[in-house]
């Protein structure tokens, strides 16, 4: 990687329904970053029966979590595919302090670093309404049941508090109000990214 000093590597976080996917697409274009969604990477590797995809699938079929080492290898391959990128938006990873350490090491190995964790902050009741609305239009089963939605949000907070502390200790945690129009939220996120 040749432009390490100029690279902006961001971990984008937010509860289900916060608008991460929408904002990642906007920010990707605005800053010429590569959006790496862990879910997309998993689906791609499994669908294309890559060695890592086959390995991940073998764990998933047994109901086990895919080991961090396998996930990091997949992310490493994605970063290598985009070696000339201005930076990356990581979405869906890390979810634990151990994964955050592994991601930090991956970035160090590429002569760069994670610059910030930016979290979209949205009131729970707004999230529930957004997800129920999305469930009606998308047909996604996980967005149709309010109890399931509330559990997903609670699970997010249980996991994220650990990561919030992890990145706060490094002075790399930034919260952004995730309520408003897409454009308004982009302005708030850009204000954080422009300072990196």
Protein backbone atom coordinates (compact mmCIF):
# COMPACT_ATOMS: atom_id res chain seq x y z
CA UNK A 1 0.00 0.00 0.00
CA UNK A 2 1.54 3.25 -1.06
CA UNK A 3 -0.69 5.91 0.45
CA UNK A 4 -0.75 4.72 4.06
CA UNK A 5 -0.69 8.21 5.56
CA UNK A 6 -3.74 9.30 3.57
CA UNK A 7 -5.79 6.16 4.08
CA UNK A 8 -8.98 6.41 6.08
CA UNK A 9 -10.03 3.12 7.62
CA UNK A 10 -13.31 3.27 9.47
CA UNK A 11 -15.32 0.78 11.46
CA UNK A 12 -18.97 1.76 10.89
CA UNK A 13 -21.26 0.69 13.68
CA UNK A 14 -24.86 1.10 14.60
CA UNK A 15 -27.81 -0.94 15.78
CA UNK A 16 -30.05 -2.77 13.30
CA UNK A 17 -32.02 -0.17 11.36
CA UNK A 18 -29.58 2.68 12.04
CA UNK A 19 -28.84 3.10 8.33
CA UNK A 20 -25.32 1.68 8.17
CA UNK A 21 -25.74 0.15 4.73
CA UNK A 22 -27.19 3.34 3.27
CA UNK A 23 -24.49 5.54 4.77
CA UNK A 24 -21.69 3.13 3.83
CA UNK A 25 -22.75 3.41 0.17
CA UNK A 26 -22.78 7.23 0.30
CA UNK A 27 -19.46 7.50 2.18
CA UNK A 28 -17.83 4.91 -0.07
CA UNK A 29 -18.53 7.09 -3.10
CA UNK A 30 -17.76 10.40 -1.39
CA UNK A 31 -14.35 9.35 -0.02
CA UNK A 32 -13.48 6.68 -2.62
CA UNK A 33 -13.35 4.01 0.08
CA UNK A 34 -13.98 0.29 -0.25
CA UNK A 35 -16.99 -0.95 1.75
CA UNK A 36 -16.30 -4.35 3.27
CA UNK A 37 -19.47 -5.88 4.72
CA UNK A 38 -18.61 -9.05 6.58
CA UNK A 39 -21.98 -10.55 5.66
CA UNK A 40 -21.38 -9.90 1.95
CA UNK A 41 -17.85 -11.34 2.18
CA UNK A 42 -19.17 -14.51 3.83
CA UNK A 43 -21.94 -14.90 1.26
CA UNK A 44 -19.50 -14.36 -1.64
CA UNK A 45 -16.98 -16.92 -0.33
CA UNK A 46 -19.65 -19.52 0.42
CA UNK A 47 -21.48 -19.02 -2.89
CA UNK A 48 -18.23 -19.27 -4.86
CA UNK A 49 -17.03 -22.25 -2.81
CA UNK A 50 -13.65 -20.67 -2.07
CA UNK A 51 -11.40 -22.58 0.33
CA UNK A 52 -12.27 -20.12 3.10
CA UNK A 53 -15.97 -20.19 2.18
CA UNK A 54 -16.03 -23.98 2.35
CA UNK A 55 -14.26 -23.88 5.71
CA UNK A 56 -16.67 -21.24 7.08
CA UNK A 57 -19.67 -23.22 5.81
CA UNK A 58 -18.45 -26.35 7.61
CA UNK A 59 -18.61 -24.48 10.94
CA UNK A 60 -21.96 -22.84 10.17
CA UNK A 61 -23.58 -26.14 9.18
CA UNK A 62 -22.72 -27.49 12.63
CA UNK A 63 -24.24 -24.40 14.24
CA UNK A 64 -20.82 -23.12 15.33
CA UNK A 65 -19.46 -19.61 15.02
CA UNK A 66 -16.85 -19.19 12.33
CA UNK A 67 -13.47 -18.76 14.06
CA UNK A 68 -12.04 -15.24 14.00
CA UNK A 69 -8.95 -16.48 12.15
CA UNK A 70 -11.11 -17.59 9.19
CA UNK A 71 -13.01 -14.28 9.12
CA UNK A 72 -9.75 -12.31 9.28
CA UNK A 73 -8.35 -14.35 6.37
CA UNK A 74 -11.43 -13.44 4.32
CA UNK A 75 -11.03 -9.76 5.21
CA UNK A 76 -7.32 -9.95 4.42
CA UNK A 77 -8.17 -11.26 0.94
CA UNK A 78 -10.67 -8.39 0.43
CA UNK A 79 -8.10 -5.79 1.50
CA UNK A 80 -5.48 -7.34 -0.81
CA UNK A 81 -7.96 -7.27 -3.72
CA UNK A 82 -8.21 -3.51 -3.21
CA UNK A 83 -4.57 -2.69 -2.49
CA UNK A 84 -4.80 0.73 -4.15
CA UNK A 85 -7.84 1.87 -2.13
CA UNK A 86 -7.96 5.19 -0.28
CA UNK A 87 -9.21 3.24 2.72
CA UNK A 88 -11.92 0.91 3.93
CA UNK A 89 -15.27 1.00 5.69
CA UNK A 90 -15.63 -2.15 7.79
CA UNK A 91 -19.28 -3.03 8.42
CA UNK A 92 -20.25 -5.94 10.70
CA UNK A 93 -16.72 -6.51 12.01
CA UNK A 94 -15.27 -6.39 14.60
CA UNK A 95 -17.86 -7.52 17.13
CA UNK A 96 -15.53 -8.43 20.02
CA UNK A 97 -12.33 -7.00 21.50
CA UNK A 98 -10.42 -10.04 20.18
CA UNK A 99 -11.70 -9.32 16.66
CA UNK A 100 -10.79 -5.63 17.07
CA UNK A 101 -7.24 -6.69 18.03
CA UNK A 102 -7.08 -9.00 15.00
CA UNK A 103 -8.32 -6.24 12.68
CA UNK A 104 -5.80 -3.79 14.16
CA UNK A 105 -3.01 -6.30 13.48
CA UNK A 106 -4.26 -6.88 9.92
CA UNK A 107 -4.10 -3.11 9.30
CA UNK A 108 -0.60 -2.88 10.85
CA UNK A 109 0.50 -5.69 8.50
CA UNK A 110 -0.72 -3.47 5.63
CA UNK A 111 1.20 -0.45 7.01
CA UNK A 112 -1.96 1.37 8.02
CA UNK A 113 -4.42 1.49 10.94
CA UNK A 114 -8.06 1.81 11.93
CA UNK A 115 -8.60 5.57 12.21
CA UNK A 116 -12.01 5.57 13.85
CA UNK A 117 -15.05 3.66 14.96
CA UNK A 118 -18.07 5.74 13.98
CA UNK A 119 -21.35 4.68 15.54
CA UNK A 120 -24.76 5.80 14.33
CA UNK A 121 -26.81 6.53 17.43
CA UNK A 122 -30.58 6.13 17.13
CA UNK A 123 -33.25 5.87 19.84
CA UNK A 124 -34.58 2.32 20.23
CA UNK A 125 -38.19 3.27 19.48
CA UNK A 126 -37.12 4.91 16.20
CA UNK A 127 -35.18 1.74 15.29
CA UNK A 128 -38.16 -0.52 16.02
CA UNK A 129 -40.43 1.63 13.85
CA UNK A 130 -37.86 1.75 11.00
CA UNK A 131 -37.36 -2.00 11.06
CA UNK A 132 -41.07 -2.79 11.19
CA UNK A 133 -41.57 -0.43 8.21
CA UNK A 134 -38.66 -2.10 6.39
CA UNK A 135 -40.17 -5.50 7.16
CA UNK A 136 -43.41 -4.48 5.43
CA UNK A 137 -41.61 -3.32 2.29
CA UNK A 138 -38.75 -5.85 2.10
CA UNK A 139 -40.46 -9.01 3.27
CA UNK A 140 -37.51 -9.72 5.61
CA UNK A 141 -38.82 -12.04 8.32
CA UNK A 142 -36.36 -10.71 10.91
CA UNK A 143 -37.85 -7.22 10.46
CA UNK A 144 -41.48 -8.30 10.89
CA UNK A 145 -41.50 -9.40 14.55
CA UNK A 146 -41.16 -6.65 17.17
CA UNK A 147 -39.88 -9.04 19.87
CA UNK A 148 -37.15 -10.30 17.53
CA UNK A 149 -36.25 -6.72 16.60
CA UNK A 150 -35.95 -5.69 20.25
CA UNK A 151 -33.73 -8.71 20.98
CA UNK A 152 -31.48 -7.86 18.02
CA UNK A 153 -31.13 -4.30 19.32
CA UNK A 154 -30.40 -5.52 22.86
CA UNK A 155 -27.79 -7.96 21.50
CA UNK A 156 -26.14 -5.11 19.60
CA UNK A 157 -25.78 -3.06 22.80
CA UNK A 158 -24.45 -6.04 24.75
CA UNK A 159 -21.69 -6.48 22.16
CA UNK A 160 -21.04 -2.87 21.26
CA UNK A 161 -20.43 -1.56 24.75
CA UNK A 162 -17.23 -3.64 24.79
CA UNK A 163 -16.10 -2.18 21.46
CA UNK A 164 -17.13 1.34 22.41
CA UNK A 165 -14.79 1.12 25.41
CA UNK A 166 -12.07 -0.50 23.28
CA UNK A 167 -12.03 2.37 20.78
CA UNK A 168 -12.65 5.09 23.41
CA UNK A 169 -9.45 4.02 25.18
CA UNK A 170 -7.62 4.74 21.90
CA UNK A 171 -9.57 8.00 21.40
CA UNK A 172 -10.98 6.57 18.18
CA UNK A 173 -14.68 6.32 19.08
CA UNK A 174 -17.10 8.84 17.56
CA UNK A 175 -20.87 8.82 17.90
CA UNK A 176 -23.09 10.47 15.30
CA UNK A 177 -26.81 11.20 15.52
CA UNK A 178 -28.46 8.75 13.14
CA UNK A 179 -31.86 10.48 13.02
CA UNK A 180 -32.79 12.76 10.14
CA UNK A 181 -32.58 12.67 6.36
CA UNK A 182 -29.90 10.60 4.65
CA UNK A 183 -28.18 13.85 3.65
CA UNK A 184 -28.25 15.26 7.22
CA UNK A 185 -26.73 12.08 8.63
CA UNK A 186 -24.06 12.04 5.91
CA UNK A 187 -23.07 15.61 6.86
CA UNK A 188 -22.63 14.51 10.51
CA UNK A 189 -20.55 11.47 9.54
CA UNK A 190 -18.48 13.53 7.10
CA UNK A 191 -17.67 16.02 9.86
CA UNK A 192 -16.05 13.15 11.79
CA UNK A 193 -14.27 11.63 8.78
CA UNK A 194 -12.92 14.97 7.55
CA UNK A 195 -11.04 15.40 10.84
CA UNK A 196 -9.26 12.04 10.59
